[in-house]
Protein backbone atom coordinates (compact mmCIF):
# COMPACT_ATOMS: atom_id res chain seq x y z
CA UNK A 1 24.09 0.94 -9.32
CA UNK A 2 23.57 3.43 -11.52
CA UNK A 3 20.39 5.45 -12.06
CA UNK A 4 18.55 4.88 -15.58
CA UNK A 5 15.36 7.08 -16.55
CA UNK A 6 12.90 4.93 -18.08
CA UNK A 7 13.13 7.18 -21.53
CA UNK A 8 16.80 5.84 -21.63
CA UNK A 9 15.66 2.35 -21.35
CA UNK A 10 12.39 2.85 -23.42
CA UNK A 11 15.33 4.27 -26.61
CA UNK A 12 17.62 1.04 -25.88
CA UNK A 13 15.15 -1.43 -26.57
CA UNK A 14 13.32 -0.14 -29.08
CA UNK A 15 16.57 -0.40 -31.25
CA UNK A 16 16.67 -3.86 -30.60
CA UNK A 17 15.57 -6.77 -33.37
CA UNK A 18 12.80 -8.27 -33.30
CA UNK A 19 14.34 -11.77 -31.68
CA UNK A 20 16.32 -9.74 -29.03
CA UNK A 21 13.06 -8.01 -28.24
CA UNK A 22 11.20 -11.23 -27.59
CA UNK A 23 14.07 -11.88 -24.94
CA UNK A 24 14.18 -9.07 -22.98
CA UNK A 25 10.14 -9.27 -22.85
CA UNK A 26 11.02 -13.01 -21.86
CA UNK A 27 13.61 -11.72 -18.92
CA UNK A 28 10.84 -9.13 -17.89
CA UNK A 29 8.57 -11.44 -17.01
CA UNK A 30 10.72 -13.79 -15.17
CA UNK A 31 11.56 -11.03 -12.93
CA UNK A 32 7.98 -10.15 -12.02
CA UNK A 33 7.39 -13.42 -11.65
CA UNK A 34 10.51 -13.28 -8.84
CA UNK A 35 9.47 -10.80 -7.29
CA UNK A 36 5.93 -11.64 -6.99
CA UNK A 37 7.58 -15.46 -5.55
CA UNK A 38 9.20 -13.72 -2.86
CA UNK A 39 6.23 -11.55 -1.90
CA UNK A 40 4.69 -14.82 -1.66
CA UNK A 41 7.13 -16.53 0.82
CA UNK A 42 7.81 -13.08 2.59
CA UNK A 43 3.74 -13.17 3.07
CA UNK A 44 3.99 -17.07 4.13
CA UNK A 45 6.52 -16.13 6.61
CA UNK A 46 4.95 -12.62 8.58
CA UNK A 47 1.29 -15.15 8.56
CA UNK A 48 3.90 -18.13 9.96
CA UNK A 49 4.87 -16.69 12.44
CA UNK A 50 2.15 -16.64 15.81
CA UNK A 51 1.60 -21.23 14.62
CA UNK A 52 4.74 -21.26 15.88
CA UNK A 53 5.37 -18.55 18.73
CA UNK A 54 3.85 -21.22 21.54
CA UNK A 55 6.41 -23.36 19.65
CA UNK A 56 9.95 -21.01 19.94
CA UNK A 57 9.30 -19.73 22.88
CA UNK A 58 9.13 -21.56 25.99
CA UNK A 59 11.08 -22.09 28.76
CA UNK A 60 12.95 -25.07 28.61
CA UNK A 61 14.63 -23.20 25.19
CA UNK A 62 15.44 -20.77 26.56
CA UNK A 63 18.34 -22.13 27.02
CA UNK A 64 19.36 -21.07 23.24
CA UNK A 65 18.59 -17.90 23.49
CA UNK A 66 22.05 -17.06 25.45
CA UNK A 67 24.01 -18.18 22.05
């Protein structure tokens, strides 16, 4: 991915019509929401690890560790 400067992006955005600016804002909100959701998902997964450790780590399931 090519690096883009914030100024270059702002110049491009400032040349858009009002309707297109609304689309850009919606897209930026979507990206921010997706990042927040991803962060929450990762935090939940990390937090559930200790709770499931006793289920995942047991002698009966050791046979699956070699696969």
